[in-house]
């Protein structure tokens, strides 16, 4: 990979090192698909994560649209996932939905994707338990 000389940005006085810019075309084999990442930690053992969850029951307006509760999950006190919702299925069962945005064509693009199936299941169970605890203490 050839390095280019540092050039000056006309708006600033600090030089810009363009040698760190990603090359055009196909990324080299050692580069990960994530932007700017050059190393992968494949096979690294993941310790058991401590999961804490807070849930807030939805108001009547949201309940009319199938939203039962909103949840925030914290992993090991270092990462917080907000915007998780508990929705009612057609059968009335609660279902955990992770935050996403929908494109104009209706395709869902998740903000967070939990790759590890076991961790996703643990997060889902923590959210459902927090929802059940809130729902159990709710005045009917």
N, C-alpha and C. Protein backbone atom coordinates (compact mmCIF):
# COMPACT_ATOMS: atom_id res chain seq x y z
N UNK A 1 0.85 -1.16 0.00
CA UNK A 1 0.00 0.00 0.00
C UNK A 1 0.90 1.23 0.00
N UNK A 2 0.75 2.04 -0.97
CA UNK A 2 1.56 3.25 -1.10
C UNK A 2 1.01 4.33 -0.19
N UNK A 3 1.92 5.02 0.47
CA UNK A 3 1.48 6.12 1.33
C UNK A 3 1.56 7.41 0.55
N UNK A 4 0.59 8.24 0.77
CA UNK A 4 0.56 9.54 0.11
C UNK A 4 1.09 10.59 1.07
N UNK A 5 1.58 11.64 0.52
CA UNK A 5 2.10 12.73 1.35
C UNK A 5 0.94 13.44 2.03
N UNK A 6 1.23 14.02 3.17
CA UNK A 6 0.19 14.77 3.89
C UNK A 6 -0.16 16.01 3.09
N UNK A 7 -1.44 16.30 3.02
CA UNK A 7 -1.90 17.49 2.30
C UNK A 7 -2.54 18.44 3.29
N UNK A 8 -2.75 19.65 2.87
CA UNK A 8 -3.35 20.65 3.75
C UNK A 8 -4.81 20.86 3.38
N UNK A 9 -5.62 20.98 4.41
CA UNK A 9 -7.02 21.32 4.23
C UNK A 9 -7.09 22.83 4.14
N UNK A 10 -7.70 23.39 3.09
CA UNK A 10 -7.72 24.85 2.95
C UNK A 10 -8.48 25.55 4.07
N UNK A 11 -9.37 24.86 4.75
CA UNK A 11 -10.16 25.49 5.81
C UNK A 11 -9.46 25.46 7.16
N UNK A 12 -8.50 24.58 7.33
CA UNK A 12 -7.80 24.44 8.60
C UNK A 12 -6.30 24.50 8.36
N UNK A 13 -5.57 24.75 9.41
CA UNK A 13 -4.13 24.81 9.27
C UNK A 13 -3.46 23.48 9.58
N UNK A 14 -4.16 22.57 10.23
CA UNK A 14 -3.57 21.27 10.58
C UNK A 14 -3.48 20.39 9.34
N UNK A 15 -2.36 19.70 9.15
CA UNK A 15 -2.24 18.81 7.99
C UNK A 15 -3.13 17.58 8.15
N UNK A 16 -3.55 17.04 7.04
CA UNK A 16 -4.38 15.83 7.02
C UNK A 16 -3.54 14.72 6.43
N UNK A 17 -3.41 13.62 7.16
CA UNK A 17 -2.65 12.49 6.67
C UNK A 17 -3.60 11.58 5.90
N UNK A 18 -3.49 11.61 4.59
CA UNK A 18 -4.40 10.81 3.76
C UNK A 18 -3.88 9.39 3.57
N UNK A 19 -2.72 9.06 4.15
CA UNK A 19 -2.20 7.71 4.01
C UNK A 19 -3.05 6.71 4.78
N UNK A 20 -3.83 7.18 5.75
CA UNK A 20 -4.68 6.29 6.54
C UNK A 20 -6.04 6.06 5.90
N UNK A 21 -6.32 6.76 4.83
CA UNK A 21 -7.62 6.60 4.18
C UNK A 21 -7.71 5.21 3.57
N UNK A 22 -8.90 4.66 3.56
CA UNK A 22 -9.13 3.33 3.01
C UNK A 22 -8.91 3.35 1.50
N UNK A 23 -8.24 2.35 0.96
CA UNK A 23 -8.04 2.31 -0.49
C UNK A 23 -9.36 2.06 -1.20
N UNK A 24 -9.46 2.55 -2.41
CA UNK A 24 -10.67 2.32 -3.19
C UNK A 24 -10.67 0.90 -3.71
N UNK A 25 -11.87 0.39 -3.96
CA UNK A 25 -11.98 -0.96 -4.48
C UNK A 25 -12.14 -1.98 -3.37
N UNK A 26 -11.73 -3.19 -3.63
CA UNK A 26 -11.88 -4.28 -2.68
C UNK A 26 -10.93 -4.15 -1.50
N UNK A 27 -11.41 -4.39 -0.26
CA UNK A 27 -10.51 -4.28 0.88
C UNK A 27 -9.51 -5.43 0.89
N UNK A 28 -8.31 -5.21 1.46
CA UNK A 28 -7.35 -6.30 1.55
C UNK A 28 -7.88 -7.43 2.42
N UNK A 29 -7.29 -8.60 2.29
CA UNK A 29 -7.79 -9.79 2.98
C UNK A 29 -7.76 -9.64 4.50
N UNK A 30 -6.75 -8.92 5.03
CA UNK A 30 -6.65 -8.80 6.49
C UNK A 30 -7.59 -7.76 7.07
N UNK A 31 -8.29 -7.01 6.24
CA UNK A 31 -9.19 -5.97 6.73
C UNK A 31 -10.57 -6.56 6.99
N UNK A 32 -11.11 -6.24 8.14
CA UNK A 32 -12.45 -6.68 8.50
C UNK A 32 -13.46 -5.86 7.70
N UNK A 33 -14.68 -6.33 7.58
CA UNK A 33 -15.71 -5.63 6.84
C UNK A 33 -16.20 -4.36 7.55
N UNK A 34 -15.96 -4.26 8.85
CA UNK A 34 -16.37 -3.08 9.60
C UNK A 34 -15.46 -1.93 9.19
N UNK A 35 -16.03 -0.76 9.01
CA UNK A 35 -15.26 0.39 8.55
C UNK A 35 -14.07 0.66 9.46
N UNK A 36 -12.91 0.68 8.87
CA UNK A 36 -11.71 1.03 9.60
C UNK A 36 -11.12 -0.07 10.45
N UNK A 37 -11.81 -1.18 10.65
CA UNK A 37 -11.29 -2.25 11.49
C UNK A 37 -10.29 -3.07 10.71
N UNK A 38 -9.15 -3.34 11.31
CA UNK A 38 -8.14 -4.14 10.64
C UNK A 38 -7.87 -5.44 11.36
N UNK A 39 -8.49 -5.63 12.52
CA UNK A 39 -8.30 -6.87 13.27
C UNK A 39 -9.64 -7.48 13.61
N UNK A 40 -9.65 -8.77 13.71
CA UNK A 40 -10.86 -9.48 14.09
C UNK A 40 -10.55 -10.31 15.32
N UNK A 41 -11.49 -10.43 16.23
CA UNK A 41 -11.30 -11.22 17.44
C UNK A 41 -12.10 -12.50 17.36
N UNK A 42 -12.03 -13.18 16.24
CA UNK A 42 -12.79 -14.40 16.06
C UNK A 42 -12.30 -15.46 17.04
N UNK A 43 -13.23 -16.13 17.67
CA UNK A 43 -12.89 -17.21 18.57
C UNK A 43 -12.55 -16.77 19.98
N UNK A 44 -12.60 -15.48 20.26
CA UNK A 44 -12.29 -15.01 21.61
C UNK A 44 -13.40 -15.45 22.56
N UNK A 45 -13.02 -15.93 23.72
CA UNK A 45 -14.01 -16.39 24.69
C UNK A 45 -14.72 -15.19 25.29
N UNK A 46 -16.03 -15.24 25.31
CA UNK A 46 -16.82 -14.14 25.86
C UNK A 46 -17.26 -14.54 27.27
N UNK A 47 -16.91 -13.73 28.27
CA UNK A 47 -17.33 -14.07 29.63
C UNK A 47 -18.84 -13.93 29.78
N UNK A 48 -19.36 -14.53 30.83
CA UNK A 48 -20.78 -14.39 31.11
C UNK A 48 -21.08 -12.93 31.39
N UNK A 49 -22.00 -12.38 30.66
CA UNK A 49 -22.35 -10.97 30.82
C UNK A 49 -23.38 -10.80 31.92
N UNK A 50 -23.21 -9.74 32.71
CA UNK A 50 -24.18 -9.37 33.73
C UNK A 50 -25.20 -8.48 33.06
N UNK A 51 -26.44 -8.89 33.08
CA UNK A 51 -27.50 -8.17 32.38
C UNK A 51 -28.46 -7.58 33.42
N UNK A 52 -28.69 -6.28 33.32
CA UNK A 52 -29.71 -5.64 34.14
C UNK A 52 -30.72 -5.00 33.20
N UNK A 53 -31.96 -4.98 33.63
CA UNK A 53 -33.03 -4.49 32.76
C UNK A 53 -34.00 -3.63 33.55
N UNK A 54 -34.42 -2.54 32.94
CA UNK A 54 -35.47 -1.68 33.51
C UNK A 54 -36.61 -1.65 32.50
N UNK A 55 -37.81 -1.79 32.98
CA UNK A 55 -38.98 -1.76 32.09
C UNK A 55 -39.96 -0.71 32.58
N UNK A 56 -40.68 -0.12 31.64
CA UNK A 56 -41.69 0.88 31.93
C UNK A 56 -42.93 0.50 31.13
N UNK A 57 -44.05 0.33 31.80
CA UNK A 57 -45.28 -0.04 31.10
C UNK A 57 -45.73 1.09 30.19
N UNK A 58 -46.25 0.72 29.04
CA UNK A 58 -46.72 1.70 28.07
C UNK A 58 -48.07 2.26 28.49
N UNK A 59 -48.34 3.50 28.06
CA UNK A 59 -49.62 4.13 28.38
C UNK A 59 -50.70 3.61 27.44
N UNK A 60 -51.94 4.01 27.68
CA UNK A 60 -53.07 3.53 26.89
C UNK A 60 -52.96 3.81 25.41
N UNK A 61 -52.38 4.96 25.04
CA UNK A 61 -52.24 5.29 23.62
C UNK A 61 -51.35 4.29 22.90
N UNK A 62 -50.21 3.94 23.54
CA UNK A 62 -49.30 2.97 22.94
C UNK A 62 -49.90 1.56 23.00
N UNK A 63 -50.59 1.25 24.09
CA UNK A 63 -51.19 -0.08 24.23
C UNK A 63 -52.19 -0.35 23.12
N UNK A 64 -52.88 0.70 22.67
CA UNK A 64 -53.82 0.53 21.56
C UNK A 64 -53.14 0.11 20.27
N UNK A 65 -51.83 0.40 20.17
CA UNK A 65 -51.06 0.01 18.98
C UNK A 65 -50.22 -1.24 19.21
N UNK A 66 -50.46 -1.93 20.32
CA UNK A 66 -49.78 -3.21 20.56
C UNK A 66 -48.51 -3.13 21.39
N UNK A 67 -48.10 -1.93 21.82
CA UNK A 67 -46.90 -1.80 22.64
C UNK A 67 -47.30 -2.00 24.10
N UNK A 68 -46.68 -2.97 24.75
CA UNK A 68 -46.98 -3.26 26.15
C UNK A 68 -46.03 -2.54 27.10
N UNK A 69 -44.74 -2.46 26.73
CA UNK A 69 -43.76 -1.84 27.62
C UNK A 69 -42.53 -1.41 26.82
N UNK A 70 -41.75 -0.53 27.45
CA UNK A 70 -40.45 -0.11 26.91
C UNK A 70 -39.39 -0.60 27.87
N UNK A 71 -38.23 -1.00 27.35
CA UNK A 71 -37.18 -1.55 28.21
C UNK A 71 -35.82 -0.98 27.84
N UNK A 72 -34.96 -0.91 28.84
CA UNK A 72 -33.56 -0.55 28.67
C UNK A 72 -32.73 -1.65 29.31
N UNK A 73 -31.78 -2.19 28.57
CA UNK A 73 -30.94 -3.28 29.04
C UNK A 73 -29.50 -2.77 29.15
N UNK A 74 -28.84 -3.12 30.26
CA UNK A 74 -27.44 -2.76 30.45
C UNK A 74 -26.63 -4.04 30.54
N UNK A 75 -25.55 -4.12 29.75
CA UNK A 75 -24.66 -5.28 29.75
C UNK A 75 -23.37 -4.93 30.48
N UNK A 76 -23.08 -5.64 31.54
CA UNK A 76 -21.85 -5.47 32.33
C UNK A 76 -21.63 -4.03 32.79
N UNK A 77 -22.66 -3.23 32.86
CA UNK A 77 -22.51 -1.84 33.27
C UNK A 77 -21.74 -1.00 32.26
N UNK A 78 -21.50 -1.54 31.05
CA UNK A 78 -20.69 -0.83 30.07
C UNK A 78 -21.45 -0.47 28.80
N UNK A 79 -22.48 -1.22 28.48
CA UNK A 79 -23.22 -0.99 27.24
C UNK A 79 -24.70 -0.95 27.57
N UNK A 80 -25.38 0.10 27.11
CA UNK A 80 -26.80 0.24 27.38
C UNK A 80 -27.57 0.19 26.07
N UNK A 81 -28.54 -0.71 26.00
CA UNK A 81 -29.41 -0.83 24.84
C UNK A 81 -30.75 -0.22 25.20
N UNK A 82 -31.12 0.85 24.53
CA UNK A 82 -32.36 1.56 24.82
C UNK A 82 -33.30 1.40 23.63
N UNK A 83 -34.57 1.60 23.86
CA UNK A 83 -35.54 1.54 22.77
C UNK A 83 -36.08 0.15 22.50
N UNK A 84 -35.81 -0.79 23.39
CA UNK A 84 -36.35 -2.14 23.25
C UNK A 84 -37.82 -2.08 23.67
N UNK A 85 -38.69 -2.70 22.89
CA UNK A 85 -40.11 -2.69 23.22
C UNK A 85 -40.61 -4.11 23.43
N UNK A 86 -41.64 -4.21 24.24
CA UNK A 86 -42.37 -5.47 24.41
C UNK A 86 -43.71 -5.24 23.73
N UNK A 87 -43.99 -6.04 22.73
CA UNK A 87 -45.22 -5.90 21.95
C UNK A 87 -46.09 -7.13 22.12
N UNK A 88 -47.37 -6.95 21.91
CA UNK A 88 -48.31 -8.07 21.99
C UNK A 88 -48.44 -8.70 20.60
N UNK A 89 -48.34 -10.03 20.54
CA UNK A 89 -48.58 -10.72 19.28
C UNK A 89 -50.09 -10.79 19.05
N UNK A 90 -50.49 -11.33 17.92
CA UNK A 90 -51.93 -11.45 17.65
C UNK A 90 -52.62 -12.35 18.66
N UNK A 91 -51.86 -13.29 19.19
CA UNK A 91 -52.41 -14.18 20.22
C UNK A 91 -52.37 -13.58 21.61
N UNK A 92 -51.80 -12.38 21.75
CA UNK A 92 -51.74 -11.71 23.04
C UNK A 92 -50.48 -11.98 23.84
N UNK A 93 -49.58 -12.81 23.30
CA UNK A 93 -48.34 -13.13 24.00
C UNK A 93 -47.34 -11.97 23.87
N UNK A 94 -46.57 -11.69 24.92
CA UNK A 94 -45.56 -10.62 24.81
C UNK A 94 -44.37 -11.08 23.98
N UNK A 95 -43.83 -10.18 23.17
CA UNK A 95 -42.69 -10.47 22.30
C UNK A 95 -41.73 -9.29 22.39
N UNK A 96 -40.43 -9.57 22.49
CA UNK A 96 -39.41 -8.54 22.59
C UNK A 96 -38.99 -8.12 21.19
N UNK A 97 -38.98 -6.80 20.95
CA UNK A 97 -38.59 -6.26 19.64
C UNK A 97 -37.43 -5.29 19.86
N UNK A 98 -36.31 -5.55 19.19
CA UNK A 98 -35.15 -4.67 19.30
C UNK A 98 -35.35 -3.45 18.39
N UNK A 99 -34.73 -2.31 18.73
CA UNK A 99 -34.95 -1.10 17.94
C UNK A 99 -34.43 -1.23 16.52
N UNK A 100 -35.16 -0.66 15.59
CA UNK A 100 -34.80 -0.70 14.18
C UNK A 100 -35.42 0.50 13.49
N UNK A 101 -34.96 0.74 12.28
CA UNK A 101 -35.60 1.75 11.45
C UNK A 101 -36.10 1.04 10.21
N UNK A 102 -37.21 1.50 9.70
CA UNK A 102 -37.78 0.90 8.49
C UNK A 102 -37.54 1.84 7.32
N UNK A 103 -37.11 1.27 6.21
CA UNK A 103 -36.89 2.08 5.01
C UNK A 103 -38.23 2.40 4.36
N UNK A 104 -38.19 3.20 3.32
CA UNK A 104 -39.43 3.56 2.62
C UNK A 104 -40.12 2.33 2.04
N UNK A 105 -39.34 1.31 1.72
CA UNK A 105 -39.92 0.10 1.14
C UNK A 105 -40.37 -0.90 2.20
N UNK A 106 -40.15 -0.56 3.49
CA UNK A 106 -40.60 -1.42 4.57
C UNK A 106 -39.56 -2.39 5.09
N UNK A 107 -38.35 -2.35 4.56
CA UNK A 107 -37.29 -3.24 5.03
C UNK A 107 -36.79 -2.72 6.38
N UNK A 108 -36.66 -3.63 7.36
CA UNK A 108 -36.21 -3.25 8.69
C UNK A 108 -34.69 -3.31 8.76
N UNK A 109 -34.09 -2.24 9.27
CA UNK A 109 -32.65 -2.16 9.46
C UNK A 109 -32.39 -1.99 10.96
N UNK A 110 -31.89 -3.03 11.63
CA UNK A 110 -31.72 -2.95 13.09
C UNK A 110 -30.58 -2.01 13.47
N UNK A 111 -30.77 -1.29 14.59
CA UNK A 111 -29.72 -0.45 15.13
C UNK A 111 -28.68 -1.31 15.84
N UNK A 112 -29.15 -2.36 16.49
CA UNK A 112 -28.28 -3.28 17.22
C UNK A 112 -28.64 -4.69 16.79
N UNK A 113 -27.62 -5.48 16.49
CA UNK A 113 -27.86 -6.88 16.12
C UNK A 113 -27.04 -7.74 17.08
N UNK A 114 -27.71 -8.53 17.90
CA UNK A 114 -27.02 -9.42 18.83
C UNK A 114 -26.68 -10.68 18.05
N UNK A 115 -25.40 -10.89 17.82
CA UNK A 115 -24.95 -12.01 16.99
C UNK A 115 -25.05 -13.34 17.74
N UNK A 116 -24.66 -13.34 19.00
CA UNK A 116 -24.65 -14.56 19.80
C UNK A 116 -26.09 -14.93 20.19
N UNK A 117 -26.55 -16.09 19.76
CA UNK A 117 -27.93 -16.51 20.01
C UNK A 117 -28.20 -16.69 21.51
N UNK A 118 -27.22 -17.21 22.24
CA UNK A 118 -27.41 -17.42 23.68
C UNK A 118 -27.55 -16.08 24.40
N UNK A 119 -26.75 -15.10 24.01
CA UNK A 119 -26.84 -13.77 24.63
C UNK A 119 -28.16 -13.11 24.27
N UNK A 120 -28.59 -13.26 23.04
CA UNK A 120 -29.88 -12.69 22.63
C UNK A 120 -31.01 -13.30 23.46
N UNK A 121 -30.96 -14.60 23.68
CA UNK A 121 -31.99 -15.27 24.48
C UNK A 121 -31.97 -14.77 25.93
N UNK A 122 -30.77 -14.58 26.49
CA UNK A 122 -30.66 -14.06 27.86
C UNK A 122 -31.22 -12.65 27.96
N UNK A 123 -30.94 -11.81 26.96
CA UNK A 123 -31.48 -10.44 26.95
C UNK A 123 -33.00 -10.49 26.86
N UNK A 124 -33.51 -11.34 25.96
CA UNK A 124 -34.96 -11.47 25.80
C UNK A 124 -35.62 -11.91 27.10
N UNK A 125 -35.04 -12.90 27.77
CA UNK A 125 -35.60 -13.38 29.03
C UNK A 125 -35.56 -12.30 30.11
N UNK A 126 -34.47 -11.52 30.15
CA UNK A 126 -34.38 -10.45 31.15
C UNK A 126 -35.45 -9.39 30.91
N UNK A 127 -35.70 -9.06 29.65
CA UNK A 127 -36.73 -8.07 29.33
C UNK A 127 -38.11 -8.60 29.69
N UNK A 128 -38.38 -9.86 29.35
CA UNK A 128 -39.69 -10.43 29.66
C UNK A 128 -39.91 -10.56 31.17
N UNK A 129 -38.85 -10.88 31.92
CA UNK A 129 -38.97 -10.95 33.38
C UNK A 129 -39.24 -9.57 33.97
N UNK A 130 -38.56 -8.54 33.46
CA UNK A 130 -38.80 -7.18 33.95
C UNK A 130 -40.21 -6.73 33.61
N UNK A 131 -40.68 -7.09 32.42
CA UNK A 131 -42.05 -6.75 32.02
C UNK A 131 -43.06 -7.46 32.93
N UNK A 132 -42.82 -8.75 33.20
CA UNK A 132 -43.73 -9.51 34.06
C UNK A 132 -43.76 -8.93 35.47
N UNK A 133 -42.61 -8.47 35.97
CA UNK A 133 -42.56 -7.86 37.30
C UNK A 133 -43.36 -6.56 37.33
N UNK A 134 -43.25 -5.77 36.27
CA UNK A 134 -44.03 -4.52 36.19
C UNK A 134 -45.52 -4.82 36.05
N UNK A 135 -45.84 -5.77 35.20
CA UNK A 135 -47.24 -6.11 34.95
C UNK A 135 -47.88 -6.72 36.19
N UNK A 136 -47.11 -7.47 36.95
CA UNK A 136 -47.63 -8.08 38.17
C UNK A 136 -47.97 -7.05 39.24
N UNK A 137 -47.23 -5.95 39.28
CA UNK A 137 -47.48 -4.91 40.27
C UNK A 137 -48.44 -3.85 39.79
N UNK A 138 -48.99 -4.04 38.61
CA UNK A 138 -49.89 -3.04 38.03
C UNK A 138 -51.27 -3.15 38.66
N UNK A 139 -51.87 -2.01 38.93
CA UNK A 139 -53.23 -1.99 39.48
C UNK A 139 -54.22 -2.25 38.36
N UNK A 140 -55.06 -3.24 38.53
CA UNK A 140 -56.01 -3.61 37.47
C UNK A 140 -57.24 -2.75 37.50
